[in-house]
């Protein structure tokens, strides 16, 4: 029955199932070949409950997403799974993702195939997000595109000549770990110093703001951030827009660090498009305008003239849409981007 199910789905698929495994939340949804999201569900990860409990919750969520999508289950072609690495995308194994302590060598695609009777594929969540934006979002039609997600950490993905780049071991595209100051801040993500992630992730913006507030209070300088508990990146952008000097100092440093990292990437890859996603981008032009200006001023001439910098279009559903895009790319289209 499963073989017949798979044959019918592959012949004329209406959709795929996308699953996103995060440290704090799980998401599932059914996505059509045009990127339309037929269902979208979220539930807490509760990673402390262990691998088996989390996977059971994830697969149950996926089944519920299928039921609520209105799509005939026989017309769903595959399951795409996105998760932070390190992972082995070819074998479909989560090796040891730091946001999922205790998850070592988890054969997640095999388990998904057993649950749903569908072929399943696994990819790095940021690489999947890049694939989703390239296939369905701001990067549709672009030949050369970079994607950065500015969230708890900073993830990245690369599209070269219309194809998603994954590197020799399948974990390439860690754009958040390009160095912007080799003697700079400690990066919690990789342990090095001066990574882009250490300056422009939501976590690092909040951390730097707390440090700046402590310095301001010690010097007797008032700041509106004092009343924010806990301080978030959204607080920093809001108070900077309102003219608070301490928040402005932190926000300007953030945009400068982001522009520095993007300038290096633009010089290296000469993309036509850089897409920014994640919660930090909710600041909109307050973030984009200075970054565009600095990149235009500092990138090498041809690269600076060729590139556009845009916000992702897939929004909070990027994990599910990205996982679905990988399933379309690697299963439905047989590896074609």
C-alpha atoms as a PDB file:
ATOM      1  CA  UNK A   1       0.000   0.000   0.000  1.00  0.00           C
ATOM      2  CA  UNK A   2       2.828   2.393   0.868  1.00  0.00           C
ATOM      3  CA  UNK A   3       4.472   1.749  -2.522  1.00  0.00           C
ATOM      4  CA  UNK A   4       1.202   2.512  -4.327  1.00  0.00           C
ATOM      5  CA  UNK A   5       0.788   5.625  -2.157  1.00  0.00           C
ATOM      6  CA  UNK A   6       4.258   6.857  -3.110  1.00  0.00           C
ATOM      7  CA  UNK A   7       3.797   6.138  -6.827  1.00  0.00           C
ATOM      8  CA  UNK A   8       0.542   8.067  -7.024  1.00  0.00           C
ATOM      9  CA  UNK A   9       1.980  10.995  -5.073  1.00  0.00           C
ATOM     10  CA  UNK A  10       5.084  11.173  -7.230  1.00  0.00           C
ATOM     11  CA  UNK A  11       3.058  11.047 -10.447  1.00  0.00           C
ATOM     12  CA  UNK A  12       0.852  14.021  -9.599  1.00  0.00           C
ATOM     13  CA  UNK A  13       1.747  15.572  -6.260  1.00  0.00           C
ATOM     14  CA  UNK A  14      -0.496  18.231  -4.837  1.00  0.00           C
ATOM     15  CA  UNK A  15       1.768  19.010  -1.898  1.00  0.00           C
ATOM     16  CA  UNK A  16       4.496  17.934   0.489  1.00  0.00           C
ATOM     17  CA  UNK A  17       4.684  17.874   4.270  1.00  0.00           C
ATOM     18  CA  UNK A  18       7.204  20.221   5.885  1.00  0.00           C
ATOM     19  CA  UNK A  19       8.516  19.657   9.416  1.00  0.00           C
ATOM     20  CA  UNK A  20      10.701  22.120  11.322  1.00  0.00           C
ATOM     21  CA  UNK A  21      12.586  21.050  14.471  1.00  0.00           C
ATOM     22  CA  UNK A  22      13.603  23.969  16.683  1.00  0.00           C
ATOM     23  CA  UNK A  23      14.957  24.124  20.197  1.00  0.00           C
ATOM     24  CA  UNK A  24      11.837  25.820  21.550  1.00  0.00           C
ATOM     25  CA  UNK A  25       9.132  24.949  19.030  1.00  0.00           C
ATOM     26  CA  UNK A  26       8.158  22.379  16.456  1.00  0.00           C
ATOM     27  CA  UNK A  27       6.227  23.312  13.331  1.00  0.00           C
ATOM     28  CA  UNK A  28       4.470  21.345  10.629  1.00  0.00           C
ATOM     29  CA  UNK A  29       2.533  22.239   7.517  1.00  0.00           C
ATOM     30  CA  UNK A  30       1.388  21.047   4.134  1.00  0.00           C
ATOM     31  CA  UNK A  31       2.752  23.144   1.261  1.00  0.00           C
ATOM     32  CA  UNK A  32       1.694  23.145  -2.369  1.00  0.00           C
ATOM     33  CA  UNK A  33       4.014  23.253  -5.405  1.00  0.00           C
ATOM     34  CA  UNK A  34       3.385  27.004  -5.714  1.00  0.00           C
ATOM     35  CA  UNK A  35       4.412  27.630  -2.097  1.00  0.00           C
ATOM     36  CA  UNK A  36       0.862  27.960  -0.806  1.00  0.00           C
ATOM     37  CA  UNK A  37       0.574  26.817   2.818  1.00  0.00           C
ATOM     38  CA  UNK A  38      -2.499  24.635   3.255  1.00  0.00           C
ATOM     39  CA  UNK A  39      -1.987  24.131   6.992  1.00  0.00           C
ATOM     40  CA  UNK A  40       0.448  25.362   9.606  1.00  0.00           C
ATOM     41  CA  UNK A  41       0.711  24.140  13.206  1.00  0.00           C
ATOM     42  CA  UNK A  42       3.159  24.891  16.021  1.00  0.00           C
ATOM     43  CA  UNK A  43       3.776  23.222  19.370  1.00  0.00           C
ATOM     44  CA  UNK A  44       6.507  23.492  22.044  1.00  0.00           C
ATOM     45  CA  UNK A  45       9.522  21.232  21.585  1.00  0.00           C
ATOM     46  CA  UNK A  46       9.949  20.420  25.303  1.00  0.00           C
ATOM     47  CA  UNK A  47      13.405  19.091  24.546  1.00  0.00           C
ATOM     48  CA  UNK A  48      13.889  18.068  28.183  1.00  0.00           C
ATOM     49  CA  UNK A  49      11.426  15.207  27.605  1.00  0.00           C
ATOM     50  CA  UNK A  50      13.918  13.417  25.383  1.00  0.00           C
ATOM     51  CA  UNK A  51      14.293  12.377  21.761  1.00  0.00           C
ATOM     52  CA  UNK A  52      11.457   9.854  21.552  1.00  0.00           C
ATOM     53  CA  UNK A  53       8.860  12.118  23.146  1.00  0.00           C
ATOM     54  CA  UNK A  54       9.789  15.062  20.927  1.00  0.00           C
ATOM     55  CA  UNK A  55       9.731  12.995  17.730  1.00  0.00           C
ATOM     56  CA  UNK A  56       6.371  11.501  18.657  1.00  0.00           C
ATOM     57  CA  UNK A  57       5.023  15.020  19.186  1.00  0.00           C
ATOM     58  CA  UNK A  58       6.544  16.176  15.872  1.00  0.00           C
ATOM     59  CA  UNK A  59       5.132  13.292  13.834  1.00  0.00           C
ATOM     60  CA  UNK A  60       1.727  13.628  15.493  1.00  0.00           C
ATOM     61  CA  UNK A  61       1.795  17.327  14.589  1.00  0.00           C
ATOM     62  CA  UNK A  62       2.605  16.412  10.996  1.00  0.00           C
ATOM     63  CA  UNK A  63      -0.300  13.995  10.849  1.00  0.00           C
ATOM     64  CA  UNK A  64      -2.614  16.683  12.218  1.00  0.00           C
ATOM     65  CA  UNK A  65      -1.292  19.153   9.631  1.00  0.00           C
ATOM     66  CA  UNK A  66      -2.156  16.670   6.873  1.00  0.00           C
ATOM     67  CA  UNK A  67      -5.643  16.164   8.307  1.00  0.00           C
ATOM     68  CA  UNK A  68      -6.290  19.919   8.549  1.00  0.00           C
ATOM     69  CA  UNK A  69      -4.864  20.775   5.117  1.00  0.00           C
ATOM     70  CA  UNK A  70      -7.801  19.484   3.102  1.00  0.00           C
ATOM     71  CA  UNK A  71      -5.312  17.656   0.875  1.00  0.00           C
ATOM     72  CA  UNK A  72      -5.862  14.037  -0.064  1.00  0.00           C
ATOM     73  CA  UNK A  73      -3.048  12.230   1.842  1.00  0.00           C
ATOM     74  CA  UNK A  74      -2.470  10.083  -1.257  1.00  0.00           C
ATOM     75  CA  UNK A  75      -1.443  13.216  -3.151  1.00  0.00           C
ATOM     76  CA  UNK A  76       1.314  14.212  -0.718  1.00  0.00           C
ATOM     77  CA  UNK A  77       4.625  13.286  -2.332  1.00  0.00           C
ATOM     78  CA  UNK A  78       7.226  13.526   0.407  1.00  0.00           C
ATOM     79  CA  UNK A  79       8.274  14.870   3.788  1.00  0.00           C
ATOM     80  CA  UNK A  80      10.908  17.582   4.145  1.00  0.00           C
ATOM     81  CA  UNK A  81      12.569  18.122   7.519  1.00  0.00           C
ATOM     82  CA  UNK A  82      14.591  21.174   8.580  1.00  0.00           C
ATOM     83  CA  UNK A  83      16.767  21.296  11.688  1.00  0.00           C
ATOM     84  CA  UNK A  84      19.875  23.063  12.894  1.00  0.00           C
ATOM     85  CA  UNK A  85      23.106  21.148  12.369  1.00  0.00           C
ATOM     86  CA  UNK A  86      25.470  19.513  12.434  1.00  0.00           C
ATOM     87  CA  UNK A  87      23.672  16.861  10.442  1.00  0.00           C
ATOM     88  CA  UNK A  88      24.153  14.463   7.547  1.00  0.00           C
ATOM     89  CA  UNK A  89      21.588  15.468   4.921  1.00  0.00           C
ATOM     90  CA  UNK A  90      22.311  12.520   2.634  1.00  0.00           C
ATOM     91  CA  UNK A  91      21.908   9.885   5.350  1.00  0.00           C
ATOM     92  CA  UNK A  92      19.108  11.867   7.003  1.00  0.00           C
ATOM     93  CA  UNK A  93      20.785  11.778  10.403  1.00  0.00           C
ATOM     94  CA  UNK A  94      20.946  14.481  13.084  1.00  0.00           C
ATOM     95  CA  UNK A  95      24.521  14.200  14.361  1.00  0.00           C
ATOM     96  CA  UNK A  96      24.601  16.370  17.485  1.00  0.00           C
ATOM     97  CA  UNK A  97      22.670  19.670  17.150  1.00  0.00           C
ATOM     98  CA  UNK A  98      23.556  21.870  20.155  1.00  0.00           C
ATOM     99  CA  UNK A  99      19.999  23.199  20.482  1.00  0.00           C
ATOM    100  CA  UNK A 100      18.816  19.614  21.015  1.00  0.00           C
ATOM    101  CA  UNK A 101      21.024  18.208  23.794  1.00  0.00           C
ATOM    102  CA  UNK A 102      21.130  14.428  23.832  1.00  0.00           C
ATOM    103  CA  UNK A 103      20.210  14.093  20.137  1.00  0.00           C
ATOM    104  CA  UNK A 104      23.167  12.100  18.824  1.00  0.00           C
ATOM    105  CA  UNK A 105      23.013  10.179  15.525  1.00  0.00           C
ATOM    106  CA  UNK A 106      19.204  10.336  15.289  1.00  0.00           C
ATOM    107  CA  UNK A 107      18.015   8.783  11.976  1.00  0.00           C
ATOM    108  CA  UNK A 108      15.144  11.221  11.636  1.00  0.00           C
ATOM    109  CA  UNK A 109      14.315  10.627   7.961  1.00  0.00           C
ATOM    110  CA  UNK A 110      14.086   6.865   8.419  1.00  0.00           C
ATOM    111  CA  UNK A 111      11.763   7.376  11.365  1.00  0.00           C
ATOM    112  CA  UNK A 112       9.627   9.811   9.365  1.00  0.00           C
ATOM    113  CA  UNK A 113       9.420   7.393   6.444  1.00  0.00           C
ATOM    114  CA  UNK A 114       8.268   4.642   8.794  1.00  0.00           C
ATOM    115  CA  UNK A 115       5.607   6.938  10.266  1.00  0.00           C
ATOM    116  CA  UNK A 116       4.168   8.395   7.049  1.00  0.00           C
ATOM    117  CA  UNK A 117       5.042   5.871   4.336  1.00  0.00           C
ATOM    118  CA  UNK A 118       6.577   8.687   2.290  1.00  0.00           C
ATOM    119  CA  UNK A 119      10.140   9.450   1.173  1.00  0.00           C
ATOM    120  CA  UNK A 120      11.733  11.947   3.555  1.00  0.00           C
ATOM    121  CA  UNK A 121      14.707  14.302   3.296  1.00  0.00           C
ATOM    122  CA  UNK A 122      16.623  16.309   5.880  1.00  0.00           C
ATOM    123  CA  UNK A 123      18.464  19.611   5.534  1.00  0.00           C
ATOM    124  CA  UNK A 124      19.959  22.339   7.674  1.00  0.00           C
ATOM    125  CA  UNK A 125      17.155  24.703   8.632  1.00  0.00           C
ATOM    126  CA  UNK A 126      18.880  27.828   7.294  1.00  0.00           C
ATOM    127  CA  UNK A 127      19.804  26.081   4.048  1.00  0.00           C
ATOM    128  CA  UNK A 128      16.183  24.987   3.779  1.00  0.00           C
ATOM    129  CA  UNK A 129      15.031  28.547   4.434  1.00  0.00           C
ATOM    130  CA  UNK A 130      17.287  29.738   1.612  1.00  0.00           C
ATOM    131  CA  UNK A 131      15.751  27.103  -0.666  1.00  0.00           C
ATOM    132  CA  UNK A 132      12.273  28.239   0.361  1.00  0.00           C
ATOM    133  CA  UNK A 133      12.967  31.907  -0.283  1.00  0.00           C
ATOM    134  CA  UNK A 134      14.585  31.064  -3.601  1.00  0.00           C
ATOM    135  CA  UNK A 135      11.749  28.852  -4.765  1.00  0.00           C
ATOM    136  CA  UNK A 136       8.749  30.683  -3.325  1.00  0.00           C
ATOM    137  CA  UNK A 137       9.794  34.006  -1.818  1.00  0.00           C
ATOM    138  CA  UNK A 138      11.917  37.090  -2.363  1.00  0.00           C
ATOM    139  CA  UNK A 139      14.548  35.157  -4.295  1.00  0.00           C
ATOM    140  CA  UNK A 140      12.275  33.636  -6.918  1.00  0.00           C
ATOM    141  CA  UNK A 141      14.093  33.792 -10.254  1.00  0.00           C
ATOM    142  CA  UNK A 142      17.478  34.791  -8.781  1.00  0.00           C
ATOM    143  CA  UNK A 143      20.546  32.910 -10.026  1.00  0.00           C
ATOM    144  CA  UNK A 144      22.864  33.893  -7.180  1.00  0.00           C
ATOM    145  CA  UNK A 145      21.377  34.544  -3.736  1.00  0.00           C
ATOM    146  CA  UNK A 146      22.467  34.637  -0.111  1.00  0.00           C
ATOM    147  CA  UNK A 147      20.082  34.177   2.797  1.00  0.00           C
ATOM    148  CA  UNK A 148      20.701  35.143   6.416  1.00  0.00           C
ATOM    149  CA  UNK A 149      18.281  34.595   9.259  1.00  0.00           C
ATOM    150  CA  UNK A 150      18.757  36.975  12.187  1.00  0.00           C
ATOM    151  CA  UNK A 151      17.093  35.252  15.093  1.00  0.00           C
ATOM    152  CA  UNK A 152      18.305  33.560  18.283  1.00  0.00           C
ATOM    153  CA  UNK A 153      21.431  32.860  16.249  1.00  0.00           C
ATOM    154  CA  UNK A 154      22.415  33.753  12.701  1.00  0.00           C
ATOM    155  CA  UNK A 155      21.970  31.069  10.075  1.00  0.00           C
ATOM    156  CA  UNK A 156      22.706  31.228   6.392  1.00  0.00           C
ATOM    157  CA  UNK A 157      22.131  29.641   3.043  1.00  0.00           C
ATOM    158  CA  UNK A 158      23.616  30.021  -0.423  1.00  0.00           C
ATOM    159  CA  UNK A 159      22.163  29.638  -3.911  1.00  0.00           C
ATOM    160  CA  UNK A 160      24.684  29.515  -6.765  1.00  0.00           C
ATOM    161  CA  UNK A 161      23.603  29.272 -10.410  1.00  0.00           C
ATOM    162  CA  UNK A 162      20.076  28.563  -9.237  1.00  0.00           C
ATOM    163  CA  UNK A 163      21.058  25.611  -7.057  1.00  0.00           C
ATOM    164  CA  UNK A 164      21.217  25.343  -3.293  1.00  0.00           C
ATOM    165  CA  UNK A 165      24.818  24.999  -2.112  1.00  0.00           C
ATOM    166  CA  UNK A 166      25.461  22.543   0.720  1.00  0.00           C
ATOM    167  CA  UNK A 167      29.222  22.020   0.838  1.00  0.00           C
ATOM    168  CA  UNK A 168      31.354  18.876   0.996  1.00  0.00           C
ATOM    169  CA  UNK A 169      29.691  17.417   4.097  1.00  0.00           C
ATOM    170  CA  UNK A 170      26.268  18.989   3.681  1.00  0.00           C
ATOM    171  CA  UNK A 171      26.653  21.689   6.326  1.00  0.00           C
ATOM    172  CA  UNK A 172      28.007  24.553   4.224  1.00  0.00           C
ATOM    173  CA  UNK A 173      26.572  28.054   4.331  1.00  0.00           C
ATOM    174  CA  UNK A 174      27.265  28.989   7.954  1.00  0.00           C
ATOM    175  CA  UNK A 175      27.248  32.676   7.071  1.00  0.00           C
ATOM    176  CA  UNK A 176      26.654  33.700  10.672  1.00  0.00           C
ATOM    177  CA  UNK A 177      30.190  32.638  11.458  1.00  0.00           C
ATOM    178  CA  UNK A 178      32.003  34.915   9.057  1.00  0.00           C
ATOM    179  CA  UNK A 179      34.418  36.990  11.169  1.00  0.00           C
ATOM    180  CA  UNK A 180      33.717  40.690  11.559  1.00  0.00           C
ATOM    181  CA  UNK A 181      36.259  41.290  14.379  1.00  0.00           C
ATOM    182  CA  UNK A 182      38.860  38.603  15.050  1.00  0.00           C
ATOM    183  CA  UNK A 183      39.557  40.067  18.500  1.00  0.00           C
ATOM    184  CA  UNK A 184      35.890  40.625  19.215  1.00  0.00           C
ATOM    185  CA  UNK A 185      33.094  39.088  21.239  1.00  0.00           C
ATOM    186  CA  UNK A 186      32.869  35.415  22.085  1.00  0.00           C
ATOM    187  CA  UNK A 187      30.454  33.552  19.807  1.00  0.00           C
ATOM    188  CA  UNK A 188      28.191  31.219  21.754  1.00  0.00           C
ATOM    189  CA  UNK A 189      27.299  29.369  18.581  1.00  0.00           C
ATOM    190  CA  UNK A 190      30.743  28.116  17.541  1.00  0.00           C
ATOM    191  CA  UNK A 191      33.112  29.152  20.334  1.00  0.00           C
ATOM    192  CA  UNK A 192      35.287  31.460  18.226  1.00  0.00           C
ATOM    193  CA  UNK A 193      35.559  35.225  18.596  1.00  0.00           C
ATOM    194  CA  UNK A 194      34.213  38.024  16.448  1.00  0.00           C
ATOM    195  CA  UNK A 195      31.582  36.110  14.462  1.00  0.00           C
ATOM    196  CA  UNK A 196      28.728  38.014  12.863  1.00  0.00           C
ATOM    197  CA  UNK A 197      26.350  36.041  15.096  1.00  0.00           C
ATOM    198  CA  UNK A 198      28.018  37.527  18.178  1.00  0.00           C
ATOM    199  CA  UNK A 199      26.804  40.998  17.130  1.00  0.00           C
ATOM    200  CA  UNK A 200      23.573  40.768  15.148  1.00  0.00           C
ATOM    201  CA  UNK A 201      21.549  37.849  16.513  1.00  0.00           C
ATOM    202  CA  UNK A 202      18.600  38.790  18.675  1.00  0.00           C
ATOM    203  CA  UNK A 203      20.378  37.179  21.607  1.00  0.00           C
ATOM    204  CA  UNK A 204      23.582  39.181  21.145  1.00  0.00           C
ATOM    205  CA  UNK A 205      21.745  42.471  20.573  1.00  0.00           C
ATOM    206  CA  UNK A 206      19.972  41.997  23.905  1.00  0.00           C
ATOM    207  CA  UNK A 207      23.210  41.015  25.617  1.00  0.00           C
ATOM    208  CA  UNK A 208      25.081  44.052  24.327  1.00  0.00           C
ATOM    209  CA  UNK A 209      22.162  46.258  25.343  1.00  0.00           C
ATOM    210  CA  UNK A 210      22.292  44.955  28.912  1.00  0.00           C
ATOM    211  CA  UNK A 211      26.001  45.751  29.020  1.00  0.00           C
ATOM    212  CA  UNK A 212      25.386  49.248  27.632  1.00  0.00           C
ATOM    213  CA  UNK A 213      22.625  49.892  30.180  1.00  0.00           C
ATOM    214  CA  UNK A 214      24.904  48.844  33.039  1.00  0.00           C
ATOM    215  CA  UNK A 215      27.580  51.245  31.802  1.00  0.00           C
ATOM    216  CA  UNK A 216      25.049  54.071  31.413  1.00  0.00           C
ATOM    217  CA  UNK A 217      23.621  53.554  34.883  1.00  0.00           C
ATOM    218  CA  UNK A 218      27.114  53.492  36.395  1.00  0.00           C
ATOM    219  CA  UNK A 219      27.822  56.817  34.675  1.00  0.00           C
ATOM    220  CA  UNK A 220      24.496  58.328  35.761  1.00  0.00           C
ATOM    221  CA  UNK A 221      23.124  58.521  32.216  1.00  0.00           C
ATOM    222  CA  UNK A 222      19.383  57.752  31.895  1.00  0.00           C
ATOM    223  CA  UNK A 223      18.062  55.336  29.288  1.00  0.00           C
ATOM    224  CA  UNK A 224      14.592  54.077  28.486  1.00  0.00           C
ATOM    225  CA  UNK A 225      16.001  50.556  28.297  1.00  0.00           C
ATOM    226  CA  UNK A 226      16.265  50.502  32.093  1.00  0.00           C
ATOM    227  CA  UNK A 227      12.543  49.831  32.284  1.00  0.00           C
ATOM    228  CA  UNK A 228      12.697  46.809  29.958  1.00  0.00           C
ATOM    229  CA  UNK A 229      12.954  43.477  31.740  1.00  0.00           C
ATOM    230  CA  UNK A 230      14.269  41.438  30.133  1.00  0.00           C
ATOM    231  CA  UNK A 231      15.707  43.602  27.369  1.00  0.00           C
ATOM    232  CA  UNK A 232      15.040  42.246  23.870  1.00  0.00           C
ATOM    233  CA  UNK A 233      16.253  43.182  20.403  1.00  0.00           C
ATOM    234  CA  UNK A 234      12.784  44.581  19.734  1.00  0.00           C
ATOM    235  CA  UNK A 235      13.160  46.890  22.756  1.00  0.00           C
ATOM    236  CA  UNK A 236      16.478  48.139  21.397  1.00  0.00           C
ATOM    237  CA  UNK A 237      15.097  48.907  17.939  1.00  0.00           C
ATOM    238  CA  UNK A 238      11.987  50.593  19.363  1.00  0.00           C
ATOM    239  CA  UNK A 239      13.867  52.822  21.785  1.00  0.00           C
ATOM    240  CA  UNK A 240      16.528  53.629  19.186  1.00  0.00           C
ATOM    241  CA  UNK A 241      13.778  54.779  16.829  1.00  0.00           C
ATOM    242  CA  UNK A 242      12.462  56.962  19.660  1.00  0.00           C
ATOM    243  CA  UNK A 243      15.883  58.587  20.060  1.00  0.00           C
ATOM    244  CA  UNK A 244      17.209  56.941  23.221  1.00  0.00           C
ATOM    245  CA  UNK A 245      20.999  57.430  23.063  1.00  0.00           C
ATOM    246  CA  UNK A 246      21.979  54.106  24.646  1.00  0.00           C
ATOM    247  CA  UNK A 247      19.621  52.115  22.436  1.00  0.00           C
ATOM    248  CA  UNK A 248      20.816  54.105  19.418  1.00  0.00           C
ATOM    249  CA  UNK A 249      24.429  53.264  20.223  1.00  0.00           C
ATOM    250  CA  UNK A 250      23.638  49.547  20.340  1.00  0.00           C
ATOM    251  CA  UNK A 251      21.470  49.645  17.210  1.00  0.00           C
ATOM    252  CA  UNK A 252      24.038  51.556  15.147  1.00  0.00           C
ATOM    253  CA  UNK A 253      26.722  49.046  16.153  1.00  0.00           C
ATOM    254  CA  UNK A 254      24.364  46.249  15.103  1.00  0.00           C
ATOM    255  CA  UNK A 255      23.698  47.659  11.646  1.00  0.00           C
ATOM    256  CA  UNK A 256      27.397  48.376  11.144  1.00  0.00           C
ATOM    257  CA  UNK A 257      28.370  44.805  12.077  1.00  0.00           C
ATOM    258  CA  UNK A 258      25.675  43.368   9.823  1.00  0.00           C
ATOM    259  CA  UNK A 259      26.763  45.578   6.936  1.00  0.00           C
ATOM    260  CA  UNK A 260      30.401  44.576   7.523  1.00  0.00           C
ATOM    261  CA  UNK A 261      29.538  40.890   7.310  1.00  0.00           C
ATOM    262  CA  UNK A 262      27.291  41.294   4.279  1.00  0.00           C
ATOM    263  CA  UNK A 263      29.920  43.399   2.502  1.00  0.00           C
ATOM    264  CA  UNK A 264      32.455  40.586   2.861  1.00  0.00           C
ATOM    265  CA  UNK A 265      29.921  38.054   1.603  1.00  0.00           C
ATOM    266  CA  UNK A 266      28.925  40.274  -1.314  1.00  0.00           C
ATOM    267  CA  UNK A 267      32.572  40.696  -2.293  1.00  0.00           C
ATOM    268  CA  UNK A 268      33.071  36.930  -2.093  1.00  0.00           C
ATOM    269  CA  UNK A 269      29.960  35.687  -3.917  1.00  0.00           C
ATOM    270  CA  UNK A 270      28.818  38.720  -5.931  1.00  0.00           C
ATOM    271  CA  UNK A 271      25.138  37.730  -5.567  1.00  0.00           C
ATOM    272  CA  UNK A 272      22.320  39.638  -7.183  1.00  0.00           C
ATOM    273  CA  UNK A 273      20.294  39.347  -3.974  1.00  0.00           C
ATOM    274  CA  UNK A 274      20.779  39.082  -0.228  1.00  0.00           C
ATOM    275  CA  UNK A 275      17.635  38.071   1.656  1.00  0.00           C
ATOM    276  CA  UNK A 276      17.326  38.731   5.377  1.00  0.00           C
ATOM    277  CA  UNK A 277      14.864  36.845   7.565  1.00  0.00           C
ATOM    278  CA  UNK A 278      14.248  36.230  11.248  1.00  0.00           C
ATOM    279  CA  UNK A 279      12.771  38.242  14.076  1.00  0.00           C
ATOM    280  CA  UNK A 280      15.362  41.031  14.007  1.00  0.00           C
ATOM    281  CA  UNK A 281      14.183  42.027  10.512  1.00  0.00           C
ATOM    282  CA  UNK A 282      10.831  43.131  11.949  1.00  0.00           C
ATOM    283  CA  UNK A 283      12.618  46.467  12.407  1.00  0.00           C
ATOM    284  CA  UNK A 284      12.210  46.922   8.644  1.00  0.00           C
ATOM    285  CA  UNK A 285      13.876  49.954   7.084  1.00  0.00           C
ATOM    286  CA  UNK A 286      15.401  50.914  10.415  1.00  0.00           C
ATOM    287  CA  UNK A 287      17.652  47.906   9.826  1.00  0.00           C
ATOM    288  CA  UNK A 288      17.727  47.724   6.046  1.00  0.00           C
ATOM    289  CA  UNK A 289      18.367  51.348   5.126  1.00  0.00           C
ATOM    290  CA  UNK A 290      21.736  51.750   6.917  1.00  0.00           C
ATOM    291  CA  UNK A 291      22.854  48.269   5.894  1.00  0.00           C
ATOM    292  CA  UNK A 292      22.081  48.947   2.225  1.00  0.00           C
ATOM    293  CA  UNK A 293      23.903  52.294   2.389  1.00  0.00           C
ATOM    294  CA  UNK A 294      27.055  50.856   3.974  1.00  0.00           C
ATOM    295  CA  UNK A 295      27.206  47.847   1.654  1.00  0.00           C
ATOM    296  CA  UNK A 296      26.732  50.109  -1.353  1.00  0.00           C
ATOM    297  CA  UNK A 297      29.556  52.352  -0.113  1.00  0.00           C
ATOM    298  CA  UNK A 298      32.015  49.647   0.959  1.00  0.00           C
ATOM    299  CA  UNK A 299      31.545  46.629  -1.326  1.00  0.00           C
ATOM    300  CA  UNK A 300      33.673  46.388  -4.443  1.00  0.00           C
ATOM    301  CA  UNK A 301      32.151  48.347  -7.321  1.00  0.00           C
ATOM    302  CA  UNK A 302      30.694  45.618  -9.570  1.00  0.00           C
ATOM    303  CA  UNK A 303      29.413  43.619  -6.605  1.00  0.00           C
ATOM    304  CA  UNK A 304      27.898  46.693  -4.953  1.00  0.00           C
ATOM    305  CA  UNK A 305      26.073  47.643  -8.130  1.00  0.00           C
ATOM    306  CA  UNK A 306      24.765  44.121  -8.720  1.00  0.00           C
ATOM    307  CA  UNK A 307      23.283  43.357  -5.310  1.00  0.00           C
ATOM    308  CA  UNK A 308      19.886  44.070  -3.765  1.00  0.00           C
ATOM    309  CA  UNK A 309      19.095  43.518  -0.091  1.00  0.00           C
ATOM    310  CA  UNK A 310      15.547  42.478   0.721  1.00  0.00           C
ATOM    311  CA  UNK A 311      13.459  41.039   3.551  1.00  0.00           C
ATOM    312  CA  UNK A 312      12.247  37.453   3.353  1.00  0.00           C
ATOM    313  CA  UNK A 313       8.641  36.925   2.279  1.00  0.00           C
ATOM    314  CA  UNK A 314       7.922  33.580   3.928  1.00  0.00           C
ATOM    315  CA  UNK A 315       7.779  35.138   7.407  1.00  0.00           C
ATOM    316  CA  UNK A 316       7.198  32.992  10.476  1.00  0.00           C
ATOM    317  CA  UNK A 317       6.420  29.991   8.275  1.00  0.00           C
ATOM    318  CA  UNK A 318       9.894  29.962   6.761  1.00  0.00           C
ATOM    319  CA  UNK A 319      10.935  26.737   8.533  1.00  0.00           C
ATOM    320  CA  UNK A 320       8.027  24.718   7.174  1.00  0.00           C
ATOM    321  CA  UNK A 321       8.111  26.336   3.722  1.00  0.00           C
ATOM    322  CA  UNK A 322      11.873  25.804   3.542  1.00  0.00           C
ATOM    323  CA  UNK A 323      11.608  22.146   4.533  1.00  0.00           C
ATOM    324  CA  UNK A 324       8.921  21.733   1.887  1.00  0.00           C
ATOM    325  CA  UNK A 325      11.112  23.409  -0.738  1.00  0.00           C
ATOM    326  CA  UNK A 326      13.855  20.880  -0.003  1.00  0.00           C
ATOM    327  CA  UNK A 327      11.372  18.040  -0.460  1.00  0.00           C
ATOM    328  CA  UNK A 328      10.276  19.464  -3.806  1.00  0.00           C
ATOM    329  CA  UNK A 329      13.897  19.945  -4.856  1.00  0.00           C
ATOM    330  CA  UNK A 330      15.333  16.615  -3.783  1.00  0.00           C
ATOM    331  CA  UNK A 331      12.371  14.248  -4.156  1.00  0.00           C
ATOM    332  CA  UNK A 332       9.664  15.641  -6.429  1.00  0.00           C
ATOM    333  CA  UNK A 333      12.049  17.238  -8.926  1.00  0.00           C
ATOM    334  CA  UNK A 334      14.740  14.595  -8.559  1.00  0.00           C
ATOM    335  CA  UNK A 335      17.445  16.982  -7.385  1.00  0.00           C
ATOM    336  CA  UNK A 336      16.654  19.924  -9.661  1.00  0.00           C
ATOM    337  CA  UNK A 337      16.543  23.272  -7.896  1.00  0.00           C
END
